[in-house]
Each structure stands twice: as structure tokens, then as C-alpha cells.
């Protein structure tokens, strides 16, 4: 029994430094406010910035409609369910705005 306990302790101690060194540094999520139009993407919606600066993937939620314009405030992440190849915007506040969305300028599906 003592031998088994010693093996467990040694195993845990040797595993600890390996897992500690693989941790990513903690980063604070960046919060942005973007105004633009919603288009259909491959897996998620795409929020096309009206200023042309940066487009974002946005999860498909009932409050958003394709072809409508919104001002969305939320946190930006590179990790999520959307595989659009652009930053993912996690909406915290959504406001519909009056802006004409040109559906011919929808992002091309990859």
C-alpha cells in the first residue's frame, strides 16, 4: 500500500511541471462596439463593419436577422464555434440601427 502511494505521489509531482508550462498566459478579452450589417456565413453570421475596418463572426442568435444593421458591443475572441477565419464577437449589447445593407456586398463563402 505504501508503495502504491509513493508511485501516485511521484506521478503527480512529475506531471505538475509539464502541465504548468503548457498554460497560456491569461489575457483580458477586448471589448469593442461595431456597427454593420449581418450576412450569412458558413457556420455563423458575419457582421460586416460599416467602416470597412474589421469583419466579425457572430453566433446565430434569434435577435439578429440577415440583411439588418446592428450596433453590437461585446468581447472579441479567436476561439469559438465559428470557423469563418475572423475574430469572433460575443454580443453583450445589441441595438438595431437604420443603415442600408447591400446584400450584393455579402462576404463570399469559403
Protein backbone atom coordinates (compact mmCIF):
# COMPACT_ATOMS: atom_id res chain seq x y z
CA UNK A 1 0.00 0.00 0.00
CA UNK A 2 2.82 2.41 0.87
CA UNK A 3 4.50 1.54 -2.43
CA UNK A 4 1.32 2.38 -4.35
CA UNK A 5 1.00 5.69 -2.51
CA UNK A 6 4.63 6.54 -3.30
CA UNK A 7 4.07 5.80 -7.01
CA UNK A 8 0.98 8.02 -7.09
CA UNK A 9 2.81 10.90 -5.36
CA UNK A 10 5.80 10.65 -7.72
CA UNK A 11 3.49 10.52 -10.74
CA UNK A 12 1.57 13.59 -9.65
CA UNK A 13 4.71 15.55 -8.88
CA UNK A 14 6.30 14.75 -12.22
CA UNK A 15 3.12 15.66 -14.13
CA UNK A 16 2.65 19.03 -12.42
CA UNK A 17 5.57 20.94 -14.04
CA UNK A 18 4.58 19.70 -17.50
CA UNK A 19 1.01 20.96 -17.24
CA UNK A 20 2.11 24.22 -15.64
CA UNK A 21 4.46 25.13 -18.51
CA UNK A 22 1.79 24.50 -21.18
CA UNK A 23 -0.66 27.02 -19.80
CA UNK A 24 -1.33 30.03 -21.97
CA UNK A 25 -0.85 33.40 -20.36
CA UNK A 26 -4.12 34.85 -19.14
CA UNK A 27 -5.40 37.68 -21.29
CA UNK A 28 -8.26 40.05 -20.80
CA UNK A 29 -10.85 39.89 -23.57
CA UNK A 30 -11.00 43.04 -25.68
CA UNK A 31 -14.42 44.74 -25.77
CA UNK A 32 -15.45 46.51 -28.97
CA UNK A 33 -18.52 48.25 -30.39
CA UNK A 34 -19.13 47.60 -34.08
CA UNK A 35 -21.88 48.92 -36.35
CA UNK A 36 -22.62 47.00 -39.51
CA UNK A 37 -24.78 44.57 -41.42
CA UNK A 38 -25.44 40.90 -40.71
CA UNK A 39 -24.79 38.39 -43.50
CA UNK A 40 -24.95 34.61 -43.60
CA UNK A 41 -21.60 32.91 -43.09
CA UNK A 42 -20.64 29.25 -43.28
CA UNK A 43 -21.37 28.32 -39.64
CA UNK A 44 -22.16 31.67 -38.05
CA UNK A 45 -23.38 35.10 -39.06
CA UNK A 46 -20.88 37.67 -40.30
CA UNK A 47 -21.05 41.25 -39.02
CA UNK A 48 -19.58 43.38 -41.81
CA UNK A 49 -18.29 46.62 -40.29
CA UNK A 50 -19.86 49.67 -41.99
CA UNK A 51 -16.48 51.46 -41.81
CA UNK A 52 -14.73 48.55 -43.51
CA UNK A 53 -12.22 48.10 -40.67
CA UNK A 54 -12.80 44.56 -39.43
CA UNK A 55 -15.48 41.91 -40.02
CA UNK A 56 -16.51 39.60 -37.18
CA UNK A 57 -18.13 36.19 -36.83
CA UNK A 58 -21.22 36.28 -34.62
CA UNK A 59 -23.08 33.22 -33.34
CA UNK A 60 -26.55 32.79 -34.83
CA UNK A 61 -28.95 34.11 -32.23
CA UNK A 62 -32.66 34.87 -32.61
CA UNK A 63 -32.23 38.62 -32.08
CA UNK A 64 -30.18 39.01 -35.29
CA UNK A 65 -31.66 38.93 -38.78
CA UNK A 66 -29.77 38.66 -42.04
CA UNK A 67 -29.80 41.91 -44.02
CA UNK A 68 -30.41 44.09 -40.95
CA UNK A 69 -27.95 46.53 -39.40
CA UNK A 70 -26.93 46.49 -35.74
CA UNK A 71 -24.61 48.17 -33.28
CA UNK A 72 -23.13 45.32 -31.28
CA UNK A 73 -20.95 45.68 -28.21
CA UNK A 74 -19.17 42.59 -26.99
CA UNK A 75 -15.95 40.77 -26.30
CA UNK A 76 -13.67 39.58 -29.10
CA UNK A 77 -12.10 36.14 -29.14
CA UNK A 78 -10.15 33.99 -31.57
CA UNK A 79 -11.55 30.79 -30.06
CA UNK A 80 -15.13 29.64 -30.53
CA UNK A 81 -17.53 27.58 -32.60
CA UNK A 82 -17.31 29.82 -35.68
CA UNK A 83 -14.81 28.68 -38.30
CA UNK A 84 -15.06 31.76 -40.55
CA UNK A 85 -11.40 32.73 -40.19
CA UNK A 86 -12.11 36.05 -38.50
CA UNK A 87 -12.38 37.25 -34.89
CA UNK A 88 -15.48 36.10 -33.02
CA UNK A 89 -17.66 38.76 -31.42
CA UNK A 90 -19.61 37.66 -28.34
CA UNK A 91 -22.56 40.08 -28.16
CA UNK A 92 -23.31 41.67 -24.81
CA UNK A 93 -25.49 44.52 -26.13
CA UNK A 94 -27.35 44.53 -29.47
CA UNK A 95 -29.13 47.58 -30.88
CA UNK A 96 -30.78 47.59 -34.32
CA UNK A 97 -29.85 50.72 -36.31
CA UNK A 98 -31.12 52.30 -39.51
CA UNK A 99 -28.48 51.53 -42.10
CA UNK A 100 -28.96 50.25 -45.62
CA UNK A 101 -27.45 46.78 -46.03
CA UNK A 102 -26.40 45.96 -49.58
CA UNK A 103 -26.82 42.20 -49.91
CA UNK A 104 -24.62 42.19 -53.04
CA UNK A 105 -21.67 43.05 -50.75
CA UNK A 106 -22.14 39.93 -48.65
CA UNK A 107 -18.85 38.18 -47.84
CA UNK A 108 -18.03 35.26 -50.13
CA UNK A 109 -18.37 31.84 -48.55
CA UNK A 110 -15.12 29.93 -48.35
